[in-house]
Amino acid sequence: MTKQIQEQLINLVDNQSLEEFISLYSKHSSLLKSYQHMELLFRSCRLGLLSFVEYILNSKLIDINCSHPSTGYPLLFISIRSQKHDIIKYIIQQTNANINWSCQNNGITCLNEAIRQLDYSTVMLLLEHGCTINQSHLFGTIIECFRQRDKNMHPLIILDDLINRCPKLIDKIDREQLTQFILNRSHCLLTNSNSVVCSLLEKFSLNINYDLVNEISLMSMKQNKKIHRTQVGIIGCGPSGLLLGALLFRSGIDSIIIEEQSRSDVESNTRAGVLEQSTIDSLDEVDINERVLKEGIIQRCINIQFNGKRISVPITEYTEGKVSTFYSQNLVVQDLIESRLKTNQRLWFDIEYARIERHDKTDDGQRPLIKFRRRNSNKEELIECDFIAGCDGGASKCCRHSIPKDEIRTI
């Protein structure tokens, strides 16, 4: 009975039929279990349905600070991640939501997430309502402001804008960390906006070693090889490489992904079709869940045929709401690629060959190095990084052969 009611309510949410939803929910809400109330609430939030969210919360059958049964994130955090500003404003201004919530696993907070989204209006709203500021938030701010989400505005200008809006941040910025962060991404300085960058760096009194930056540039020119610098070099643009890149981006870590095949070949490669809850949670963590939510087919029960009878097993009653979702792997890949390119992260297809020159840091300080050449090009390029992630699969043409045999571990 409750299963049928829940499915009807979910359909009404998906169809945005508020009056019918209110009628059915008011009659049968007492029959629903807590995880079913949460499913309706969080689904309404992700779809941006403020009226549904308000009605469910006003019913007093679920706590505003309840956590999603799978991710453990509260409603405010998920609304910030989904960029549902009407719901964000409602929760902060009209409920007793805990705006200082912190994830026990990784310490991420609502303010961290707003900063990651470069959502200045939400950042300011949280600060205005007394959200706690700590050093991890500040460093997250610096990292996020270095990301080129707006091609017409340099990240440091974005950082300057944030500090102008909240001047008390300026006294807490770790200058040494910021300086090192810039040096690790020296390619950001070697651009047409160099004069603007220098001006802003002087404003923040940062001691940048420009001789080192120039030396790196000259060395690259002398070798007639283009050198790219990053923290993690990822070889392989399948689900694992793309998801790793998204998780690194989520944590403020720069990466470059290179792939042998063309983009069209990668996106059309169909394999798995069922995503377990842990995969959905990972996609949710990197904010790649909108299409899955709309197009994925959720499996809430399993039908078992035995002795001429069909037995329906309601999975969610035994897994506290965790489900499987039918959603093709190539769609996941498409979503991850689109998200990566939209945020101006480096992803290069059609790589004719790649070779790992150094797989570990040497005693004299030389970093791991990937040598590669693009298809239809006769110029070799280099990726210098701190770590190399081999994500080119079991039929690897590069990574697996680059690992010394005595160091390979298989499970």
Protein backbone atom coordinates (compact mmCIF):
# COMPACT_ATOMS: atom_id res chain seq x y z
CA MET A 1 0.00 0.00 0.00
CA THR A 2 2.67 2.51 1.04
CA LYS A 3 4.75 1.56 -2.00
CA GLN A 4 1.90 2.46 -4.35
CA ILE A 5 1.22 5.73 -2.51
CA GLN A 6 4.91 6.63 -2.66
CA GLU A 7 5.09 5.97 -6.39
CA GLN A 8 2.00 8.13 -6.96
CA LEU A 9 3.50 10.95 -4.90
CA ILE A 10 6.80 10.74 -6.78
CA ASN A 11 4.95 10.95 -10.10
CA LEU A 12 3.07 14.01 -8.87
CA VAL A 13 6.36 15.65 -7.86
CA ASP A 14 7.90 14.84 -11.25
CA ASN A 15 4.83 16.27 -13.00
CA GLN A 16 4.77 19.28 -10.65
CA SER A 17 1.10 18.65 -9.80
CA LEU A 18 1.04 20.51 -6.50
CA GLU A 19 -2.69 20.43 -5.73
CA GLU A 20 -2.98 16.69 -6.35
CA PHE A 21 0.20 16.12 -4.34
CA ILE A 22 -1.16 18.07 -1.36
CA SER A 23 -4.43 16.15 -1.50
CA LEU A 24 -2.76 12.72 -1.57
CA TYR A 25 0.04 13.59 0.85
CA SER A 26 -2.31 15.05 3.47
CA LYS A 27 -4.40 11.88 3.43
CA HIS A 28 -1.64 9.29 3.58
CA SER A 29 1.48 11.00 4.96
CA SER A 30 1.11 9.25 8.31
CA LEU A 31 1.49 5.89 6.54
CA LEU A 32 4.82 6.77 4.97
CA LYS A 33 8.13 5.83 6.55
CA SER A 34 10.77 8.44 7.30
CA TYR A 35 12.97 7.55 4.32
CA GLN A 36 9.93 7.95 2.03
CA HIS A 37 9.30 11.46 3.36
CA MET A 38 12.97 12.23 2.78
CA GLU A 39 12.86 10.89 -0.78
CA LEU A 40 9.97 13.23 -1.60
CA LEU A 41 11.66 16.19 0.08
CA PHE A 42 15.07 15.77 -1.54
CA ARG A 43 13.57 14.99 -4.94
CA SER A 44 11.49 18.17 -4.76
CA CYS A 45 14.62 20.10 -3.82
CA ARG A 46 16.70 18.78 -6.71
CA LEU A 47 13.90 19.65 -9.13
CA GLY A 48 13.73 23.17 -7.67
CA LEU A 49 10.11 22.87 -6.51
CA LEU A 50 9.95 25.35 -3.63
CA SER A 51 6.19 24.95 -3.07
CA PHE A 52 6.58 21.19 -2.60
CA VAL A 53 9.54 21.68 -0.25
CA GLU A 54 7.61 24.21 1.83
CA TYR A 55 4.54 21.99 2.10
CA ILE A 56 6.49 18.89 3.12
CA LEU A 57 8.47 20.80 5.75
CA ASN A 58 5.37 22.57 7.07
CA SER A 59 3.76 19.18 7.65
CA LYS A 60 6.25 18.79 10.55
CA LEU A 61 6.74 15.12 9.70
CA ILE A 62 10.39 15.56 8.80
CA ASP A 63 13.20 17.61 10.32
CA ILE A 64 14.82 20.35 8.22
CA ASN A 65 18.24 19.09 9.34
CA CYS A 66 17.62 15.47 8.35
CA SER A 67 20.34 13.88 6.22
CA HIS A 68 19.91 12.17 2.89
CA PRO A 69 19.92 8.39 3.60
CA SER A 70 22.68 7.72 1.06
CA THR A 71 24.92 10.78 0.94
CA GLY A 72 24.40 12.02 4.48
CA TYR A 73 23.98 15.60 3.20
CA PRO A 74 21.23 17.84 4.63
CA LEU A 75 18.67 19.69 2.53
CA LEU A 76 20.49 23.04 2.65
CA PHE A 77 23.72 21.51 1.35
CA ILE A 78 21.93 19.71 -1.50
CA SER A 79 20.02 22.85 -2.46
CA ILE A 80 23.32 24.75 -2.64
CA ARG A 81 24.91 21.99 -4.69
CA SER A 82 21.91 21.96 -7.05
CA GLN A 83 21.94 25.78 -7.26
CA LYS A 84 18.27 26.10 -6.30
CA HIS A 85 18.41 29.68 -5.06
CA ASP A 86 14.75 30.10 -4.10
CA ILE A 87 15.01 27.04 -1.87
CA ILE A 88 18.38 28.15 -0.46
CA LYS A 89 16.95 31.54 0.49
CA TYR A 90 13.85 29.97 2.03
CA ILE A 91 15.84 27.48 4.13
CA ILE A 92 18.34 30.05 5.43
CA GLN A 93 15.85 32.84 6.10
CA GLN A 94 12.71 31.00 7.20
CA THR A 95 13.75 27.76 8.87
CA ASN A 96 16.03 26.74 11.72
CA ALA A 97 18.42 24.88 9.44
CA ASN A 98 21.94 24.37 10.75
CA ILE A 99 23.97 26.58 8.41
CA ASN A 100 27.20 25.44 10.12
CA TRP A 101 26.64 21.76 9.31
CA SER A 102 29.88 19.88 8.60
CA CYS A 103 30.28 16.47 6.97
CA GLN A 104 31.86 13.98 9.36
CA ASN A 105 33.69 12.16 6.56
CA ASN A 106 35.45 15.02 4.78
CA GLY A 107 34.66 18.16 6.78
CA ILE A 108 32.91 19.90 3.88
CA THR A 109 30.35 22.53 4.83
CA CYS A 110 27.56 24.52 3.20
CA LEU A 111 29.92 27.49 2.88
CA ASN A 112 32.54 25.28 1.20
CA GLU A 113 29.95 24.18 -1.34
CA ALA A 114 28.74 27.71 -2.05
CA ILE A 115 32.35 28.77 -2.59
CA ARG A 116 32.96 25.81 -4.89
CA GLN A 117 29.97 26.86 -6.98
CA LEU A 118 31.28 30.45 -7.05
CA ASP A 119 27.81 31.30 -5.76
CA TYR A 120 28.54 34.68 -4.23
CA SER A 121 24.91 35.45 -3.35
CA THR A 122 24.69 32.29 -1.24
CA VAL A 123 28.13 32.90 0.30
CA MET A 124 27.04 36.36 1.37
CA LEU A 125 23.68 35.07 2.61
CA LEU A 126 25.43 32.47 4.77
CA LEU A 127 27.90 35.03 6.12
CA GLU A 128 25.11 37.50 6.87
CA HIS A 129 23.31 34.85 8.92
CA GLY A 130 26.36 34.07 11.04
CA CYS A 131 27.98 31.18 9.19
CA THR A 132 31.31 30.25 10.76
CA ILE A 133 34.47 31.02 8.76
CA ASN A 134 37.60 28.92 9.15
CA GLN A 135 40.89 28.42 7.34
CA SER A 136 39.64 25.51 5.22
CA HIS A 137 36.90 27.76 3.86
CA LEU A 138 39.43 30.43 3.00
CA PHE A 139 41.77 28.10 1.16
CA GLY A 140 38.77 26.64 -0.63
CA THR A 141 37.86 30.18 -1.66
CA ILE A 142 41.32 30.76 -3.09
CA ILE A 143 41.27 27.50 -5.01
CA GLU A 144 37.81 28.05 -6.42
CA CYS A 145 38.56 31.61 -7.43
CA PHE A 146 41.45 30.36 -9.54
CA ARG A 147 39.11 28.34 -11.70
CA GLN A 148 38.31 29.76 -15.08
CA ARG A 149 34.54 29.57 -15.00
CA ASP A 150 34.23 32.95 -16.63
CA LYS A 151 36.46 33.25 -19.69
CA ASN A 152 36.16 37.04 -19.62
CA MET A 153 37.34 37.43 -16.05
CA HIS A 154 40.60 36.25 -14.53
CA PRO A 155 40.15 34.16 -11.36
CA LEU A 156 42.17 36.62 -9.28
CA ILE A 157 39.74 39.37 -10.23
CA ILE A 158 36.96 37.12 -8.96
CA LEU A 159 38.92 36.64 -5.73
CA ASP A 160 39.36 40.39 -5.43
CA ASP A 161 35.62 40.86 -5.88
CA LEU A 162 34.85 38.37 -3.12
CA ILE A 163 37.25 40.09 -0.72
CA ASN A 164 35.78 43.49 -1.56
CA ARG A 165 32.38 42.13 -0.56
CA CYS A 166 33.70 40.58 2.64
CA PRO A 167 36.84 42.53 3.68
CA LYS A 168 37.46 40.51 6.84
CA LEU A 169 38.66 37.62 4.66
CA ILE A 170 41.81 39.49 3.62
CA ASP A 171 43.45 39.23 7.04
CA LYS A 172 43.06 35.46 7.17
CA ILE A 173 44.45 34.48 3.78
CA ASP A 174 47.54 32.28 4.00
CA ARG A 175 49.94 34.14 1.68
CA GLU A 176 52.42 31.27 1.51
CA GLN A 177 49.77 28.78 0.42
CA LEU A 178 48.42 31.17 -2.18
CA THR A 179 51.91 31.87 -3.55
CA GLN A 180 52.67 28.16 -3.89
CA PHE A 181 49.32 27.57 -5.52
CA ILE A 182 50.10 30.14 -8.22
CA LEU A 183 53.58 28.73 -8.85
CA ASN A 184 52.16 25.23 -9.26
CA ARG A 185 49.97 26.63 -12.02
CA SER A 186 52.46 28.95 -13.68
CA HIS A 187 50.67 28.54 -17.01
CA CYS A 188 47.97 30.82 -15.56
CA LEU A 189 50.52 33.65 -15.40
CA LEU A 190 51.85 33.25 -18.93
CA THR A 191 48.77 34.75 -20.57
CA ASN A 192 47.65 37.98 -22.15
CA SER A 193 46.22 39.04 -18.81
CA ASN A 194 49.67 38.90 -17.18
CA SER A 195 49.73 42.62 -16.37
CA VAL A 196 46.37 42.37 -14.61
CA VAL A 197 47.57 39.34 -12.66
CA CYS A 198 50.78 41.08 -11.59
CA SER A 199 48.84 44.10 -10.41
CA LEU A 200 46.54 41.97 -8.29
CA LEU A 201 49.39 39.91 -6.87
CA GLU A 202 51.12 43.10 -5.74
CA LYS A 203 47.88 44.21 -4.13
CA PHE A 204 47.90 41.02 -2.05
CA SER A 205 51.63 41.45 -1.32
CA LEU A 206 52.49 38.03 -2.73
CA ASN A 207 56.17 37.22 -3.20
CA ILE A 208 56.12 35.44 -6.56
CA ASN A 209 59.40 34.17 -7.98
CA TYR A 210 59.01 35.52 -11.52
CA ASP A 211 62.52 34.35 -12.44
CA LEU A 212 61.37 30.78 -11.86
CA VAL A 213 58.31 31.28 -14.03
CA ASN A 214 60.37 32.80 -16.84
CA GLU A 215 62.95 30.02 -16.56
CA ILE A 216 60.23 27.42 -16.99
CA SER A 217 58.95 29.20 -20.08
CA LEU A 218 62.44 29.55 -21.63
CA MET A 219 63.28 25.91 -20.95
CA SER A 220 60.13 24.86 -22.76
CA MET A 221 61.00 27.03 -25.78
CA LYS A 222 64.57 25.71 -25.95
CA GLN A 223 63.42 22.12 -25.97
CA ASN A 224 60.84 22.94 -28.65
CA LYS A 225 58.37 20.99 -26.57
CA LYS A 226 55.29 22.37 -24.97
CA ILE A 227 55.26 21.69 -21.24
CA HIS A 228 51.97 21.53 -19.38
CA ARG A 229 51.94 21.58 -15.60
CA THR A 230 49.33 20.15 -13.30
CA GLN A 231 49.00 18.28 -10.03
CA VAL A 232 47.58 15.02 -11.43
CA GLY A 233 48.04 13.68 -14.95
CA ILE A 234 45.24 11.26 -15.87
CA ILE A 235 45.63 8.86 -18.79
CA GLY A 236 42.26 7.58 -19.99
CA CYS A 237 38.90 9.27 -20.44
CA GLY A 238 36.58 6.49 -19.36
CA PRO A 239 34.22 6.67 -16.38
CA SER A 240 37.05 6.11 -13.88
CA GLY A 241 39.35 8.79 -15.30
CA LEU A 242 36.56 11.33 -15.69
CA LEU A 243 35.10 10.69 -12.24
CA LEU A 244 38.56 10.90 -10.69
CA GLY A 245 39.08 14.24 -12.42
CA ALA A 246 35.72 15.48 -11.16
CA LEU A 247 36.47 14.42 -7.58
CA LEU A 248 39.88 16.11 -7.74
CA PHE A 249 38.27 19.27 -9.11
CA ARG A 250 35.77 19.06 -6.28
CA SER A 251 38.69 19.12 -3.82
CA GLY A 252 40.53 21.97 -5.53
CA ILE A 253 43.15 19.76 -7.22
CA ASP A 254 44.11 20.54 -10.81
CA SER A 255 44.36 17.73 -13.39
CA ILE A 256 44.82 17.05 -17.09
CA ILE A 257 43.12 14.12 -18.84
CA ILE A 258 44.40 12.72 -22.14
CA GLU A 259 42.60 10.13 -24.26
CA GLU A 260 43.57 8.09 -27.32
CA GLN A 261 40.10 8.01 -28.90
CA SER A 262 38.03 10.86 -30.30
CA ARG A 263 35.30 12.42 -28.19
CA SER A 264 32.55 10.88 -30.33
CA ASP A 265 34.04 7.40 -29.95
CA VAL A 266 34.35 7.77 -26.18
CA GLU A 267 30.80 9.05 -25.78
CA SER A 268 29.27 6.28 -27.91
CA ASN A 269 31.01 3.39 -26.14
CA THR A 270 28.09 1.59 -24.45
CA ARG A 271 28.76 -1.01 -21.76
CA ALA A 272 27.19 -1.15 -18.30
CA GLY A 273 23.60 -0.04 -17.89
CA VAL A 274 22.90 -0.25 -14.15
CA LEU A 275 24.31 2.15 -11.57
CA GLU A 276 24.44 1.14 -7.92
CA GLN A 277 23.66 3.64 -5.17
CA SER A 278 27.35 4.24 -4.44
CA THR A 279 27.90 5.36 -8.05
CA ILE A 280 24.88 7.65 -7.91
CA ASP A 281 26.24 9.09 -4.67
CA SER A 282 29.62 9.74 -6.32
CA LEU A 283 27.93 11.52 -9.22
CA ASP A 284 25.90 13.49 -6.72
CA GLU A 285 29.08 14.46 -4.88
CA VAL A 286 30.54 16.02 -8.03
CA ASP A 287 27.18 17.56 -8.99
CA ILE A 288 26.65 15.41 -12.10
CA ASN A 289 23.21 14.14 -11.19
CA GLU A 290 20.63 16.29 -12.96
CA ARG A 291 20.27 14.11 -16.06
CA VAL A 292 20.44 10.87 -14.07
CA LEU A 293 17.63 12.14 -11.87
CA LYS A 294 15.44 13.02 -14.84
CA GLU A 295 16.15 10.12 -17.20
CA GLY A 296 17.35 7.28 -14.97
CA ILE A 297 14.89 4.49 -14.19
CA ILE A 298 14.96 3.69 -10.49
CA GLN A 299 14.59 0.09 -9.38
CA ARG A 300 12.86 -0.02 -6.00
CA CYS A 301 11.95 -3.70 -6.00
CA ILE A 302 13.05 -7.06 -7.40
CA ASN A 303 10.60 -9.61 -8.80
CA ILE A 304 11.54 -13.24 -8.14
CA GLN A 305 9.83 -16.06 -10.04
CA PHE A 306 9.55 -19.28 -8.01
CA ASN A 307 7.29 -22.29 -8.30
CA GLY A 308 4.96 -20.54 -10.72
CA LYS A 309 4.57 -17.48 -8.52
CA ARG A 310 6.01 -13.98 -8.69
CA ILE A 311 7.35 -12.57 -5.44
CA SER A 312 8.01 -8.84 -5.26
CA VAL A 313 10.82 -7.86 -2.87
CA PRO A 314 10.79 -4.14 -1.92
CA ILE A 315 14.52 -3.33 -1.91
CA THR A 316 14.19 0.06 -0.27
CA GLU A 317 12.67 -1.39 2.88
CA TYR A 318 15.85 -3.39 3.48
CA THR A 319 18.39 -0.82 2.27
CA GLU A 320 17.04 2.32 3.97
CA GLY A 321 16.10 3.88 0.66
CA LYS A 322 19.13 2.82 -1.41
CA VAL A 323 18.26 1.81 -4.96
CA SER A 324 19.74 0.81 -8.32
CA THR A 325 19.28 3.04 -11.34
CA PHE A 326 19.10 2.05 -15.00
CA TYR A 327 21.26 4.60 -16.81
CA SER A 328 23.73 3.77 -19.56
CA GLN A 329 27.47 4.16 -19.00
CA ASN A 330 27.92 6.25 -22.14
CA LEU A 331 25.42 8.78 -20.75
CA VAL A 332 27.48 9.01 -17.56
CA VAL A 333 30.57 9.63 -19.69
CA GLN A 334 28.75 12.31 -21.70
CA ASP A 335 27.64 14.07 -18.51
CA LEU A 336 31.15 14.00 -17.02
CA ILE A 337 32.77 15.26 -20.23
CA GLU A 338 30.25 18.08 -20.58
CA SER A 339 30.77 19.15 -16.98
CA ARG A 340 34.56 19.08 -17.29
CA LEU A 341 34.62 21.15 -20.46
CA LYS A 342 32.05 23.58 -19.10
CA THR A 343 34.36 24.36 -16.17
CA ASN A 344 37.35 24.83 -18.52
CA GLN A 345 39.34 21.89 -17.21
CA ARG A 346 41.90 20.42 -19.56
CA LEU A 347 40.72 17.33 -21.47
CA TRP A 348 42.43 16.35 -24.72
CA PHE A 349 41.21 13.69 -27.14
CA ASP A 350 42.86 12.13 -30.22
CA ILE A 351 46.21 11.43 -28.57
CA GLU A 352 48.24 9.33 -30.99
CA TYR A 353 50.59 7.97 -28.36
CA ALA A 354 51.46 8.59 -24.72
CA ARG A 355 54.41 7.36 -22.70
CA ILE A 356 55.29 7.76 -19.04
CA GLU A 357 58.85 9.07 -18.89
CA ARG A 358 59.03 9.25 -15.10
CA HIS A 359 56.44 7.52 -12.94
CA ASP A 360 57.76 8.83 -9.63
CA LYS A 361 59.54 11.84 -8.18
CA THR A 362 63.33 11.56 -8.38
CA ASP A 363 65.85 12.30 -5.64
CA ASP A 364 66.90 15.51 -7.38
CA GLY A 365 63.32 16.81 -7.32
CA GLN A 366 62.23 16.05 -10.88
CA ARG A 367 58.50 15.38 -11.04
CA PRO A 368 56.62 12.57 -12.84
CA LEU A 369 56.47 13.21 -16.57
CA ILE A 370 54.15 12.12 -19.39
CA LYS A 371 55.26 12.49 -23.00
CA PHE A 372 52.56 12.48 -25.69
CA ARG A 373 51.76 13.54 -29.23
CA ARG A 374 48.42 14.55 -30.65
CA ARG A 375 47.07 12.93 -33.78
CA ASN A 376 48.02 14.80 -36.98
CA SER A 377 50.84 16.58 -35.16
CA ASN A 378 54.60 16.00 -35.27
CA LYS A 379 55.33 17.89 -32.04
CA GLU A 380 55.82 16.14 -28.75
CA GLU A 381 54.34 17.65 -25.61
CA LEU A 382 55.04 17.02 -21.94
CA ILE A 383 52.86 16.93 -18.84
CA GLU A 384 54.76 17.51 -15.62
CA CYS A 385 52.75 16.58 -12.54
CA ASP A 386 52.89 15.39 -8.95
CA PHE A 387 51.02 12.15 -9.58
CA ILE A 388 50.02 10.05 -12.59
CA ALA A 389 46.72 8.15 -12.61
CA GLY A 390 46.52 5.26 -15.05
CA CYS A 391 42.87 4.99 -16.05
CA ASP A 392 43.25 3.48 -19.51
CA GLY A 393 41.72 0.13 -18.57
CA GLY A 394 42.73 -3.50 -18.67
CA ALA A 395 43.81 -3.26 -22.32
CA SER A 396 46.21 -0.47 -21.40
CA LYS A 397 48.69 0.55 -24.07
CA CYS A 398 50.54 2.92 -21.79
CA CYS A 399 50.17 2.88 -18.02
CA ARG A 400 50.32 -0.82 -17.20
CA HIS A 401 53.49 -1.31 -19.24
CA SER A 402 55.13 1.66 -17.53
CA ILE A 403 54.96 0.17 -14.04
CA PRO A 404 57.99 -1.91 -13.02
CA LYS A 405 56.91 -5.56 -12.83
CA ASP A 406 58.12 -5.96 -9.26
CA GLU A 407 55.88 -3.06 -8.17
CA ILE A 408 52.61 -4.24 -9.75
CA ARG A 409 49.96 -5.29 -7.25
CA THR A 410 46.74 -6.93 -8.39
CA ILE A 411 43.64 -7.72 -6.39
